[in-house]
Amino acid sequence: MDTPTDFLLLNENFATNFNPFYEREYLIIQTYPCEKRLIVDKRSFNYKEARDYCSIQNLGHDYTSYSLRIFHNQKLWEVDFMGEPWKVSKEQDWKIAEEYLKAHHDKNIDGEIVVCRCSYPFFSSLTTFINRHGEADEYWQPVTCLTESQGLEIENCPNCNYTLIELDENEDDDDYDDFIPLACRECSNYDGEFYGDNQLICAIHPYGCGSDFCPDFVP
């Protein structure tokens, strides 16, 4: 007899947690906004089907972006125009250690799981130190929280090398503001400026094209 849990397995996103990825399987994943776990919207072994589905999803969502990846050698890879593995993806199926998941939901712990802009999750805990004026001060110390690497204090993201600790509150934030999506690098249409709280990618694609290859790229 089927139970309510059995019917959940009909949901592809839910079932992904129980079904391993297969070599050369195409995955349409959510790349924005980044979540604590990999969001897989569709799985397929047909490149054209996966590519077309990814394009439709990006056209149908204004505030969510999707990208096509291929599972190869136990990692997610970006694909070229032929659907072949091109380079290792910044987005991976990160496995967060259970103790950090529990700590994230524990209201008695000053810490939480944070996701870097590249998709890498880490645990940020409140730490006290003595500043140069001899006064107690606090800052958020990032530590690794994956099953394969946990408890290591880090200053930069192990996945993309982005600075996770601001040593100077007045330090320029250009390193973050100048982050350029892969499809926009060296494109003359790229803007990248912030207008209020919103960053304008370009006049053609204000929120980005939602793909690793922009059809309107101009060198």
N, C-alpha and C. Protein backbone atom coordinates (compact mmCIF):
# COMPACT_ATOMS: atom_id res chain seq x y z
N MET A 1 0.85 -1.20 0.00
CA MET A 1 0.00 0.00 0.00
C MET A 1 0.88 1.25 0.00
N ASP A 2 0.56 2.19 -0.89
CA ASP A 2 1.35 3.41 -0.98
C ASP A 2 1.11 4.30 0.23
N THR A 3 2.17 4.94 0.67
CA THR A 3 2.09 5.90 1.77
C THR A 3 2.30 7.29 1.21
N PRO A 4 1.98 8.36 1.98
CA PRO A 4 2.23 9.73 1.50
C PRO A 4 3.69 9.95 1.11
N THR A 5 4.62 9.30 1.83
CA THR A 5 6.05 9.45 1.51
C THR A 5 6.37 8.85 0.15
N ASP A 6 5.71 7.73 -0.19
CA ASP A 6 5.94 7.11 -1.49
C ASP A 6 5.58 8.06 -2.63
N PHE A 7 4.50 8.81 -2.46
CA PHE A 7 4.09 9.74 -3.51
C PHE A 7 5.06 10.90 -3.66
N LEU A 8 5.79 11.22 -2.60
CA LEU A 8 6.78 12.29 -2.69
C LEU A 8 7.88 11.94 -3.69
N LEU A 9 8.14 10.64 -3.84
CA LEU A 9 9.19 10.21 -4.76
C LEU A 9 8.83 10.47 -6.22
N LEU A 10 7.56 10.79 -6.49
CA LEU A 10 7.16 11.17 -7.84
C LEU A 10 7.64 12.57 -8.18
N ASN A 11 7.97 13.35 -7.14
CA ASN A 11 8.52 14.69 -7.33
C ASN A 11 10.00 14.55 -7.65
N GLU A 12 10.40 14.97 -8.86
CA GLU A 12 11.78 14.76 -9.31
C GLU A 12 12.79 15.43 -8.40
N ASN A 13 12.46 16.62 -7.92
CA ASN A 13 13.39 17.34 -7.04
C ASN A 13 13.58 16.60 -5.73
N PHE A 14 12.50 16.04 -5.19
CA PHE A 14 12.58 15.28 -3.94
C PHE A 14 13.32 13.96 -4.17
N ALA A 15 13.02 13.29 -5.27
CA ALA A 15 13.61 11.99 -5.55
C ALA A 15 15.11 12.07 -5.80
N THR A 16 15.58 13.25 -6.24
CA THR A 16 17.01 13.42 -6.50
C THR A 16 17.84 13.12 -5.27
N ASN A 17 17.29 13.39 -4.08
CA ASN A 17 18.03 13.14 -2.85
C ASN A 17 18.31 11.66 -2.64
N PHE A 18 17.55 10.81 -3.31
CA PHE A 18 17.69 9.37 -3.12
C PHE A 18 18.28 8.66 -4.33
N ASN A 19 18.26 9.31 -5.48
CA ASN A 19 18.76 8.70 -6.71
C ASN A 19 20.10 9.33 -7.09
N PRO A 20 21.16 8.57 -7.16
CA PRO A 20 22.47 9.14 -7.50
C PRO A 20 22.51 9.63 -8.94
N PHE A 21 23.39 10.58 -9.22
CA PHE A 21 23.57 11.03 -10.59
C PHE A 21 24.38 9.97 -11.34
N TYR A 22 24.16 9.91 -12.64
CA TYR A 22 24.84 8.92 -13.47
C TYR A 22 25.83 9.59 -14.42
N GLU A 23 26.88 8.86 -14.78
CA GLU A 23 27.89 9.38 -15.69
C GLU A 23 27.24 9.89 -16.97
N ARG A 24 27.60 11.14 -17.34
CA ARG A 24 27.13 11.82 -18.54
C ARG A 24 25.62 12.12 -18.50
N GLU A 25 25.09 12.23 -17.32
CA GLU A 25 23.69 12.65 -17.18
C GLU A 25 23.64 14.18 -17.14
N TYR A 26 22.71 14.76 -17.89
CA TYR A 26 22.54 16.21 -17.91
C TYR A 26 21.60 16.63 -16.79
N LEU A 27 21.98 17.72 -16.11
CA LEU A 27 21.19 18.23 -15.00
C LEU A 27 20.89 19.70 -15.24
N ILE A 28 19.64 20.09 -15.13
CA ILE A 28 19.28 21.51 -15.15
C ILE A 28 19.18 21.93 -13.69
N ILE A 29 20.09 22.80 -13.26
CA ILE A 29 20.16 23.18 -11.86
C ILE A 29 19.84 24.66 -11.68
N GLN A 30 19.36 25.00 -10.50
CA GLN A 30 19.12 26.41 -10.16
C GLN A 30 20.44 27.02 -9.73
N THR A 31 20.87 28.06 -10.43
CA THR A 31 22.13 28.72 -10.10
C THR A 31 21.93 30.07 -9.41
N TYR A 32 20.71 30.58 -9.43
CA TYR A 32 20.40 31.81 -8.70
C TYR A 32 18.92 31.81 -8.33
N PRO A 33 18.59 32.11 -7.08
CA PRO A 33 19.53 32.31 -5.97
C PRO A 33 20.16 30.99 -5.51
N CYS A 34 21.33 31.10 -4.89
CA CYS A 34 22.02 29.91 -4.39
C CYS A 34 21.34 29.42 -3.11
N GLU A 35 21.16 28.12 -3.01
CA GLU A 35 20.57 27.51 -1.83
C GLU A 35 21.61 26.66 -1.12
N LYS A 36 21.24 26.17 0.07
CA LYS A 36 22.17 25.35 0.85
C LYS A 36 22.38 23.98 0.23
N ARG A 37 21.46 23.55 -0.60
CA ARG A 37 21.60 22.27 -1.28
C ARG A 37 21.39 22.48 -2.77
N LEU A 38 21.86 21.55 -3.55
CA LEU A 38 21.72 21.64 -5.00
C LEU A 38 20.26 21.45 -5.39
N ILE A 39 19.73 22.41 -6.14
CA ILE A 39 18.36 22.33 -6.63
C ILE A 39 18.40 21.83 -8.07
N VAL A 40 17.96 20.61 -8.29
CA VAL A 40 17.93 20.01 -9.63
C VAL A 40 16.50 20.07 -10.15
N ASP A 41 16.30 20.79 -11.24
CA ASP A 41 14.95 20.96 -11.79
C ASP A 41 14.58 19.84 -12.76
N LYS A 42 15.59 19.31 -13.45
CA LYS A 42 15.33 18.23 -14.41
C LYS A 42 16.60 17.43 -14.67
N ARG A 43 16.42 16.14 -14.96
CA ARG A 43 17.53 15.26 -15.30
C ARG A 43 17.22 14.61 -16.65
N SER A 44 18.26 14.46 -17.48
CA SER A 44 18.05 13.86 -18.80
C SER A 44 19.38 13.37 -19.36
N PHE A 45 19.31 12.39 -20.25
CA PHE A 45 20.50 11.94 -20.97
C PHE A 45 20.51 12.48 -22.40
N ASN A 46 19.52 13.31 -22.72
CA ASN A 46 19.41 13.90 -24.05
C ASN A 46 19.83 15.36 -23.98
N TYR A 47 20.95 15.70 -24.64
CA TYR A 47 21.49 17.05 -24.55
C TYR A 47 20.52 18.09 -25.08
N LYS A 48 19.95 17.86 -26.27
CA LYS A 48 19.04 18.84 -26.86
C LYS A 48 17.82 19.06 -25.97
N GLU A 49 17.26 17.99 -25.46
CA GLU A 49 16.10 18.11 -24.57
C GLU A 49 16.45 18.92 -23.33
N ALA A 50 17.61 18.64 -22.73
CA ALA A 50 18.03 19.35 -21.53
C ALA A 50 18.31 20.82 -21.82
N ARG A 51 18.98 21.08 -22.94
CA ARG A 51 19.32 22.47 -23.32
C ARG A 51 18.05 23.28 -23.56
N ASP A 52 17.11 22.71 -24.30
CA ASP A 52 15.86 23.43 -24.61
C ASP A 52 15.04 23.67 -23.34
N TYR A 53 15.00 22.69 -22.47
CA TYR A 53 14.25 22.83 -21.22
C TYR A 53 14.86 23.95 -20.37
N CYS A 54 16.20 24.00 -20.32
CA CYS A 54 16.88 25.04 -19.54
C CYS A 54 16.53 26.43 -20.08
N SER A 55 16.51 26.57 -21.40
CA SER A 55 16.19 27.86 -22.02
C SER A 55 14.76 28.28 -21.69
N ILE A 56 13.84 27.33 -21.74
CA ILE A 56 12.43 27.63 -21.43
C ILE A 56 12.28 28.06 -19.98
N GLN A 57 12.97 27.38 -19.08
CA GLN A 57 12.89 27.74 -17.67
C GLN A 57 13.41 29.15 -17.42
N ASN A 58 14.49 29.52 -18.07
CA ASN A 58 15.03 30.86 -17.88
C ASN A 58 14.11 31.93 -18.46
N LEU A 59 13.45 31.62 -19.55
CA LEU A 59 12.49 32.57 -20.13
C LEU A 59 11.26 32.73 -19.25
N GLY A 60 10.92 31.69 -18.51
CA GLY A 60 9.70 31.71 -17.71
C GLY A 60 9.88 32.20 -16.29
N HIS A 61 11.11 32.53 -15.89
CA HIS A 61 11.36 32.99 -14.52
C HIS A 61 12.16 34.29 -14.54
N ASP A 62 11.67 35.29 -13.85
CA ASP A 62 12.35 36.59 -13.81
C ASP A 62 13.42 36.67 -12.73
N TYR A 63 13.24 35.97 -11.63
CA TYR A 63 14.15 36.13 -10.50
C TYR A 63 14.87 34.83 -10.13
N THR A 64 14.80 33.84 -11.00
CA THR A 64 15.50 32.58 -10.79
C THR A 64 16.23 32.23 -12.07
N SER A 65 17.48 31.78 -11.94
CA SER A 65 18.27 31.41 -13.11
C SER A 65 18.61 29.93 -13.07
N TYR A 66 18.66 29.33 -14.24
CA TYR A 66 18.97 27.91 -14.37
C TYR A 66 20.13 27.72 -15.34
N SER A 67 20.93 26.69 -15.11
CA SER A 67 22.04 26.38 -16.00
C SER A 67 22.11 24.88 -16.24
N LEU A 68 22.71 24.54 -17.36
CA LEU A 68 22.84 23.14 -17.75
C LEU A 68 24.21 22.62 -17.33
N ARG A 69 24.23 21.48 -16.67
CA ARG A 69 25.47 20.83 -16.25
C ARG A 69 25.44 19.37 -16.68
N ILE A 70 26.62 18.76 -16.73
CA ILE A 70 26.72 17.33 -17.01
C ILE A 70 27.51 16.67 -15.89
N PHE A 71 27.08 15.50 -15.47
CA PHE A 71 27.76 14.77 -14.41
C PHE A 71 28.85 13.90 -15.04
N HIS A 72 30.09 14.15 -14.64
CA HIS A 72 31.23 13.47 -15.25
C HIS A 72 32.35 13.32 -14.22
N ASN A 73 32.87 12.12 -14.07
CA ASN A 73 33.94 11.85 -13.10
C ASN A 73 33.57 12.32 -11.70
N GLN A 74 32.33 12.04 -11.30
CA GLN A 74 31.82 12.33 -9.96
C GLN A 74 31.69 13.81 -9.64
N LYS A 75 31.71 14.66 -10.67
CA LYS A 75 31.54 16.10 -10.47
C LYS A 75 30.58 16.67 -11.52
N LEU A 76 30.07 17.86 -11.22
CA LEU A 76 29.28 18.59 -12.21
C LEU A 76 30.22 19.43 -13.07
N TRP A 77 29.96 19.42 -14.36
CA TRP A 77 30.78 20.18 -15.31
C TRP A 77 29.89 21.11 -16.12
N GLU A 78 30.45 22.26 -16.51
CA GLU A 78 29.81 23.10 -17.51
C GLU A 78 29.99 22.41 -18.86
N VAL A 79 29.09 22.68 -19.79
CA VAL A 79 29.15 22.01 -21.09
C VAL A 79 29.48 22.99 -22.20
N ASP A 80 30.06 22.47 -23.28
CA ASP A 80 30.32 23.30 -24.45
C ASP A 80 29.10 23.25 -25.38
N PHE A 81 29.26 23.80 -26.59
CA PHE A 81 28.13 23.87 -27.52
C PHE A 81 27.70 22.50 -28.03
N MET A 82 28.56 21.51 -27.84
CA MET A 82 28.23 20.16 -28.29
C MET A 82 27.68 19.30 -27.15
N GLY A 83 27.58 19.89 -25.97
CA GLY A 83 27.08 19.14 -24.83
C GLY A 83 28.14 18.31 -24.14
N GLU A 84 29.41 18.57 -24.46
CA GLU A 84 30.51 17.82 -23.85
C GLU A 84 31.03 18.56 -22.61
N PRO A 85 31.61 17.84 -21.65
CA PRO A 85 32.19 18.49 -20.46
C PRO A 85 33.23 19.52 -20.89
N TRP A 86 33.12 20.73 -20.34
CA TRP A 86 34.03 21.81 -20.71
C TRP A 86 34.97 22.14 -19.57
N LYS A 87 34.43 22.49 -18.41
CA LYS A 87 35.25 22.72 -17.23
C LYS A 87 34.41 22.45 -15.99
N VAL A 88 35.11 22.16 -14.89
CA VAL A 88 34.41 21.81 -13.65
C VAL A 88 33.56 22.99 -13.20
N SER A 89 32.33 22.73 -12.85
CA SER A 89 31.38 23.76 -12.43
C SER A 89 31.68 24.24 -11.01
N LYS A 90 31.43 25.52 -10.76
CA LYS A 90 31.52 26.05 -9.40
C LYS A 90 30.40 25.48 -8.54
N GLU A 91 29.27 25.18 -9.16
CA GLU A 91 28.16 24.55 -8.44
C GLU A 91 28.40 23.05 -8.37
N GLN A 92 28.30 22.51 -7.17
CA GLN A 92 28.45 21.07 -6.98
C GLN A 92 27.38 20.58 -6.02
N ASP A 93 27.27 19.28 -5.90
CA ASP A 93 26.30 18.69 -4.98
C ASP A 93 26.96 18.59 -3.60
N TRP A 94 27.10 19.74 -2.95
CA TRP A 94 27.79 19.79 -1.66
C TRP A 94 27.00 19.03 -0.59
N LYS A 95 27.71 18.25 0.21
CA LYS A 95 27.09 17.49 1.30
C LYS A 95 27.48 18.13 2.64
N ILE A 96 26.52 18.75 3.30
CA ILE A 96 26.78 19.43 4.57
C ILE A 96 26.70 18.41 5.70
N ALA A 97 27.68 18.46 6.62
CA ALA A 97 27.73 17.54 7.75
C ALA A 97 26.50 17.74 8.65
N GLU A 98 25.97 16.66 9.17
CA GLU A 98 24.74 16.69 9.95
C GLU A 98 24.85 17.61 11.16
N GLU A 99 26.00 17.62 11.82
CA GLU A 99 26.13 18.44 13.04
C GLU A 99 26.00 19.93 12.73
N TYR A 100 26.42 20.34 11.54
CA TYR A 100 26.29 21.76 11.18
C TYR A 100 24.86 22.10 10.77
N LEU A 101 24.17 21.13 10.19
CA LEU A 101 22.76 21.35 9.88
C LEU A 101 21.96 21.54 11.17
N LYS A 102 22.29 20.74 12.18
CA LYS A 102 21.61 20.88 13.47
C LYS A 102 21.95 22.21 14.12
N ALA A 103 23.23 22.60 14.06
CA ALA A 103 23.66 23.87 14.65
C ALA A 103 22.99 25.06 13.97
N HIS A 104 22.77 24.93 12.66
CA HIS A 104 22.13 26.01 11.91
C HIS A 104 20.72 26.29 12.42
N HIS A 105 20.04 25.25 12.86
CA HIS A 105 18.65 25.39 13.33
C HIS A 105 18.56 25.54 14.85
N ASP A 106 19.69 25.50 15.53
CA ASP A 106 19.71 25.64 16.99
C ASP A 106 19.76 27.12 17.36
N LYS A 107 18.69 27.63 17.95
CA LYS A 107 18.61 29.05 18.28
C LYS A 107 19.53 29.43 19.44
N ASN A 108 20.12 28.46 20.11
CA ASN A 108 21.04 28.74 21.21
C ASN A 108 22.49 28.87 20.74
N ILE A 109 22.71 28.69 19.46
CA ILE A 109 24.06 28.77 18.89
C ILE A 109 24.16 30.00 18.00
N ASP A 110 25.19 30.81 18.24
CA ASP A 110 25.43 32.00 17.41
C ASP A 110 26.19 31.59 16.15
N GLY A 111 25.48 31.03 15.23
CA GLY A 111 26.11 30.58 13.99
C GLY A 111 25.06 30.12 13.00
N GLU A 112 25.43 30.10 11.74
CA GLU A 112 24.51 29.68 10.70
C GLU A 112 25.28 29.24 9.47
N ILE A 113 24.61 28.46 8.64
CA ILE A 113 25.19 28.06 7.37
C ILE A 113 24.97 29.19 6.37
N VAL A 114 26.04 29.60 5.71
CA VAL A 114 25.99 30.67 4.72
C VAL A 114 26.46 30.09 3.39
N VAL A 115 25.90 30.57 2.31
CA VAL A 115 26.29 30.09 0.99
C VAL A 115 27.05 31.18 0.25
N CYS A 116 28.26 30.87 -0.17
CA CYS A 116 29.06 31.82 -0.96
C CYS A 116 28.37 32.05 -2.30
N ARG A 117 28.71 33.12 -2.95
CA ARG A 117 28.08 33.45 -4.23
C ARG A 117 28.35 32.37 -5.30
N CYS A 118 29.38 31.53 -5.09
CA CYS A 118 29.70 30.48 -6.05
C CYS A 118 28.93 29.19 -5.78
N SER A 119 28.20 29.14 -4.67
CA SER A 119 27.38 27.99 -4.24
C SER A 119 27.99 27.22 -3.08
N TYR A 120 29.25 27.51 -2.71
CA TYR A 120 29.92 26.74 -1.65
C TYR A 120 29.35 27.11 -0.28
N PRO A 121 28.86 26.12 0.50
CA PRO A 121 28.32 26.41 1.84
C PRO A 121 29.41 26.35 2.91
N PHE A 122 29.32 27.26 3.88
CA PHE A 122 30.24 27.22 5.02
C PHE A 122 29.46 27.64 6.25
N PHE A 123 30.03 27.37 7.41
CA PHE A 123 29.36 27.72 8.67
C PHE A 123 30.03 28.97 9.23
N SER A 124 29.22 29.97 9.54
CA SER A 124 29.73 31.23 10.08
C SER A 124 29.35 31.32 11.56
N SER A 125 30.36 31.38 12.43
CA SER A 125 30.10 31.41 13.87
C SER A 125 30.65 32.70 14.48
N LEU A 126 29.95 33.22 15.47
CA LEU A 126 30.34 34.47 16.12
C LEU A 126 31.53 34.22 17.04
N THR A 127 32.62 34.96 16.82
CA THR A 127 33.86 34.78 17.57
C THR A 127 34.27 36.09 18.23
N THR A 128 34.77 36.00 19.45
CA THR A 128 35.22 37.19 20.19
C THR A 128 36.74 37.29 20.15
N PHE A 129 37.26 38.52 19.99
CA PHE A 129 38.70 38.75 20.02
C PHE A 129 38.97 40.11 20.64
N ILE A 130 40.23 40.35 20.98
CA ILE A 130 40.65 41.64 21.55
C ILE A 130 41.24 42.48 20.43
N ASN A 131 40.64 43.66 20.19
CA ASN A 131 41.12 44.51 19.11
C ASN A 131 42.35 45.31 19.55
N ARG A 132 42.86 46.15 18.67
CA ARG A 132 44.09 46.89 18.93
C ARG A 132 43.94 47.93 20.03
N HIS A 133 42.69 48.23 20.41
CA HIS A 133 42.44 49.16 21.50
C HIS A 133 42.28 48.45 22.83
N GLY A 134 42.50 47.13 22.82
CA GLY A 134 42.38 46.36 24.05
C GLY A 134 40.94 46.08 24.45
N GLU A 135 40.03 46.24 23.51
CA GLU A 135 38.62 46.02 23.80
C GLU A 135 38.13 44.73 23.16
N ALA A 136 37.16 44.11 23.81
CA ALA A 136 36.57 42.89 23.24
C ALA A 136 35.72 43.25 22.03
N ASP A 137 35.90 42.53 20.98
CA ASP A 137 35.15 42.77 19.76
C ASP A 137 34.70 41.43 19.18
N GLU A 138 33.82 41.47 18.22
CA GLU A 138 33.29 40.23 17.65
C GLU A 138 33.36 40.27 16.13
N TYR A 139 33.51 39.12 15.56
CA TYR A 139 33.42 38.99 14.10
C TYR A 139 32.91 37.59 13.77
N TRP A 140 32.48 37.42 12.55
CA TRP A 140 31.95 36.13 12.11
C TRP A 140 33.06 35.32 11.46
N GLN A 141 33.40 34.18 12.07
CA GLN A 141 34.47 33.33 11.58
C GLN A 141 33.90 32.20 10.71
N PRO A 142 34.28 32.16 9.44
CA PRO A 142 33.82 31.07 8.58
C PRO A 142 34.62 29.80 8.84
N VAL A 143 33.94 28.67 8.88
CA VAL A 143 34.60 27.37 9.00
C VAL A 143 33.96 26.41 8.00
N THR A 144 34.73 25.44 7.55
CA THR A 144 34.19 24.45 6.62
C THR A 144 33.18 23.57 7.32
N CYS A 145 32.16 23.13 6.59
CA CYS A 145 31.09 22.35 7.21
C CYS A 145 30.65 21.17 6.36
N LEU A 146 31.46 20.77 5.39
CA LEU A 146 31.10 19.65 4.54
C LEU A 146 31.49 18.32 5.18
N THR A 147 30.84 17.25 4.76
CA THR A 147 31.18 15.94 5.31
C THR A 147 32.63 15.58 5.01
N GLU A 148 33.16 16.07 3.89
CA GLU A 148 34.53 15.75 3.50
C GLU A 148 35.55 16.71 4.09
N SER A 149 35.10 17.84 4.59
CA SER A 149 35.99 18.84 5.19
C SER A 149 35.18 19.70 6.15
N GLN A 150 35.47 19.58 7.43
CA GLN A 150 34.69 20.33 8.41
C GLN A 150 35.56 20.81 9.56
N GLY A 151 35.16 21.97 10.11
CA GLY A 151 35.84 22.51 11.29
C GLY A 151 37.09 23.31 11.01
N LEU A 152 37.44 23.51 9.74
CA LEU A 152 38.65 24.26 9.40
C LEU A 152 38.31 25.74 9.25
N GLU A 153 39.03 26.60 9.98
CA GLU A 153 38.82 28.04 9.84
C GLU A 153 39.35 28.51 8.49
N ILE A 154 38.56 29.30 7.79
CA ILE A 154 38.94 29.78 6.47
C ILE A 154 38.71 31.29 6.37
N GLU A 155 39.49 31.93 5.54
CA GLU A 155 39.31 33.36 5.26
C GLU A 155 38.81 33.57 3.84
N ASN A 156 39.12 32.62 2.98
CA ASN A 156 38.69 32.69 1.58
C ASN A 156 37.90 31.43 1.23
N CYS A 157 37.00 31.57 0.30
CA CYS A 157 36.20 30.42 -0.13
C CYS A 157 37.11 29.38 -0.79
N PRO A 158 37.07 28.13 -0.34
CA PRO A 158 37.90 27.08 -0.94
C PRO A 158 37.52 26.78 -2.39
N ASN A 159 36.33 27.21 -2.78
CA ASN A 159 35.84 26.89 -4.12
C ASN A 159 36.14 27.97 -5.15
N CYS A 160 36.07 29.26 -4.75
CA CYS A 160 36.28 30.35 -5.71
C CYS A 160 37.28 31.40 -5.23
N ASN A 161 37.78 31.23 -4.01
CA ASN A 161 38.79 32.12 -3.41
C ASN A 161 38.25 33.51 -3.06
N TYR A 162 36.94 33.68 -3.04
CA TYR A 162 36.35 34.96 -2.65
C TYR A 162 36.62 35.21 -1.16
N THR A 163 36.95 36.45 -0.80
CA THR A 163 37.23 36.80 0.58
C THR A 163 35.96 36.75 1.42
N LEU A 164 36.02 35.95 2.50
CA LEU A 164 34.85 35.77 3.35
C LEU A 164 34.90 36.62 4.61
N ILE A 165 36.10 37.11 4.96
CA ILE A 165 36.26 37.94 6.16
C ILE A 165 36.69 39.33 5.76
N GLU A 166 35.95 40.33 6.16
CA GLU A 166 36.32 41.72 5.93
C GLU A 166 37.16 42.20 7.10
N LEU A 167 38.46 42.38 6.86
CA LEU A 167 39.36 42.80 7.94
C LEU A 167 39.20 44.27 8.26
N ASP A 168 38.75 45.04 7.29
CA ASP A 168 38.59 46.48 7.48
C ASP A 168 37.17 46.85 7.07
N GLU A 169 36.39 47.40 8.01
CA GLU A 169 35.00 47.74 7.72
C GLU A 169 34.89 48.78 6.62
N ASN A 170 35.96 49.58 6.43
CA ASN A 170 35.92 50.62 5.42
C ASN A 170 36.53 50.16 4.10
N GLU A 171 36.90 48.89 4.04
CA GLU A 171 37.54 48.37 2.84
C GLU A 171 36.57 48.44 1.67
N ASP A 172 37.13 48.76 0.51
CA ASP A 172 36.29 48.89 -0.69
C ASP A 172 35.65 47.55 -1.03
N ASP A 173 34.41 47.59 -1.43
CA ASP A 173 33.67 46.37 -1.75
C ASP A 173 33.71 46.05 -3.24
N ASP A 174 34.66 46.65 -3.96
CA ASP A 174 34.68 46.46 -5.41
C ASP A 174 34.88 45.00 -5.79
N ASP A 175 35.58 44.23 -4.92
CA ASP A 175 35.82 42.82 -5.24
C ASP A 175 34.51 42.08 -5.43
N TYR A 176 33.51 42.47 -4.63
CA TYR A 176 32.20 41.81 -4.76
C TYR A 176 31.39 42.42 -5.90
N ASP A 177 31.39 43.76 -5.96
CA ASP A 177 30.56 44.43 -6.96
C ASP A 177 31.00 44.12 -8.38
N ASP A 178 32.30 43.82 -8.55
CA ASP A 178 32.81 43.59 -9.89
C ASP A 178 32.69 42.14 -10.33
N PHE A 179 31.99 41.33 -9.55
CA PHE A 179 31.80 39.94 -9.96
C PHE A 179 31.04 39.90 -11.28
N ILE A 180 31.65 39.28 -12.27
CA ILE A 180 31.05 39.25 -13.61
C ILE A 180 30.61 37.84 -13.94
N PRO A 181 29.33 37.65 -14.29
CA PRO A 181 28.87 36.31 -14.69
C PRO A 181 29.70 35.78 -15.85
N LEU A 182 29.83 34.48 -15.91
CA LEU A 182 30.66 33.84 -16.93
C LEU A 182 30.29 34.30 -18.34
N ALA A 183 29.00 34.37 -18.62
CA ALA A 183 28.56 34.72 -19.97
C ALA A 183 28.86 36.17 -20.34
N CYS A 184 29.15 37.01 -19.33
CA CYS A 184 29.33 38.45 -19.56
C CYS A 184 30.80 38.88 -19.63
N ARG A 185 31.70 37.98 -19.33
CA ARG A 185 33.11 38.35 -19.30
C ARG A 185 33.60 38.75 -20.68
N GLU A 186 34.23 39.94 -20.75
CA GLU A 186 34.77 40.50 -21.98
C GLU A 186 33.68 40.89 -22.98
N CYS A 187 32.44 41.00 -22.50
CA CYS A 187 31.35 41.46 -23.37
C CYS A 187 31.20 42.97 -23.23
N SER A 188 31.14 43.67 -24.37
CA SER A 188 31.06 45.13 -24.33
C SER A 188 29.69 45.63 -23.85
N ASN A 189 28.70 44.76 -23.81
CA ASN A 189 27.37 45.16 -23.32
C ASN A 189 27.28 45.16 -21.80
N TYR A 190 28.27 44.56 -21.13
CA TYR A 190 28.19 44.40 -19.68
C TYR A 190 28.23 45.76 -18.97
N ASP A 191 27.32 45.95 -18.02
CA ASP A 191 27.28 47.18 -17.22
C ASP A 191 27.83 46.91 -15.82
N GLY A 192 27.10 46.14 -15.02
CA GLY A 192 27.59 45.73 -13.71
C GLY A 192 27.41 46.74 -12.59
N GLU A 193 26.90 47.94 -12.91
CA GLU A 193 26.75 48.96 -11.88
C GLU A 193 25.52 48.68 -11.02
N PHE A 194 25.60 49.17 -9.76
CA PHE A 194 24.47 49.03 -8.85
C PHE A 194 23.62 50.30 -8.89
N TYR A 195 22.31 50.11 -9.01
CA TYR A 195 21.35 51.20 -8.97
C TYR A 195 20.43 50.93 -7.80
N GLY A 196 20.71 51.61 -6.69
CA GLY A 196 20.04 51.24 -5.44
C GLY A 196 20.61 49.92 -4.97
N ASP A 197 19.75 48.96 -4.70
CA ASP A 197 20.19 47.63 -4.27
C ASP A 197 20.29 46.65 -5.42
N ASN A 198 19.99 47.10 -6.64
CA ASN A 198 19.94 46.19 -7.77
C ASN A 198 21.11 46.42 -8.72
N GLN A 199 21.73 45.32 -9.14
CA GLN A 199 22.83 45.40 -10.09
C GLN A 199 22.29 45.19 -11.50
N LEU A 200 22.63 46.11 -12.40
CA LEU A 200 22.23 45.99 -13.80
C LEU A 200 23.32 45.23 -14.54
N ILE A 201 22.99 44.05 -15.06
CA ILE A 201 23.97 43.27 -15.80
C ILE A 201 24.22 43.92 -17.16
N CYS A 202 23.17 44.13 -17.92
CA CYS A 202 23.28 44.88 -19.18
C CYS A 202 21.88 45.31 -19.60
N ALA A 203 21.80 46.17 -20.60
CA ALA A 203 20.51 46.69 -21.03
C ALA A 203 19.65 45.62 -21.70
N ILE A 204 20.30 44.63 -22.31
CA ILE A 204 19.55 43.57 -23.00
C ILE A 204 19.02 42.55 -22.00
N HIS A 205 19.88 42.18 -21.05
CA HIS A 205 19.51 41.20 -20.02
C HIS A 205 19.78 41.82 -18.64
N PRO A 206 18.83 42.60 -18.12
CA PRO A 206 19.05 43.32 -16.85
C PRO A 206 19.45 42.42 -15.69
N TYR A 207 18.93 41.19 -15.65
CA TYR A 207 19.23 40.26 -14.55
C TYR A 207 20.20 39.16 -14.98
N GLY A 208 20.81 39.30 -16.14
CA GLY A 208 21.68 38.26 -16.67
C GLY A 208 20.91 37.38 -17.63
N CYS A 209 21.62 36.70 -18.51
CA CYS A 209 20.95 35.89 -19.53
C CYS A 209 20.51 34.55 -18.98
N GLY A 210 21.01 34.18 -17.77
CA GLY A 210 20.59 32.92 -17.17
C GLY A 210 21.25 31.70 -17.79
N SER A 211 22.31 31.92 -18.55
CA SER A 211 23.01 30.80 -19.19
C SER A 211 24.49 31.12 -19.22
N ASP A 212 25.31 30.11 -19.48
CA ASP A 212 26.75 30.32 -19.56
C ASP A 212 27.16 30.84 -20.93
N PHE A 213 26.23 30.86 -21.88
CA PHE A 213 26.51 31.35 -23.23
C PHE A 213 25.41 32.33 -23.62
N CYS A 214 25.78 33.60 -23.77
CA CYS A 214 24.78 34.63 -24.08
C CYS A 214 24.64 34.78 -25.59
N PRO A 215 23.42 34.75 -26.12
CA PRO A 215 23.21 34.90 -27.56
C PRO A 215 23.51 36.31 -28.06
N ASP A 216 23.59 37.28 -27.14
CA ASP A 216 23.84 38.67 -27.52
C ASP A 216 25.24 39.13 -27.16
N PHE A 217 26.17 38.18 -26.99
CA PHE A 217 27.55 38.52 -26.62
C PHE A 217 28.21 39.34 -27.72
N VAL A 218 28.85 40.46 -27.31
CA VAL A 218 29.58 41.32 -28.24
C VAL A 218 30.98 41.55 -27.66
N PRO A 219 32.04 41.11 -28.35
CA PRO A 219 33.41 41.28 -27.83
C PRO A 219 33.79 42.74 -27.64
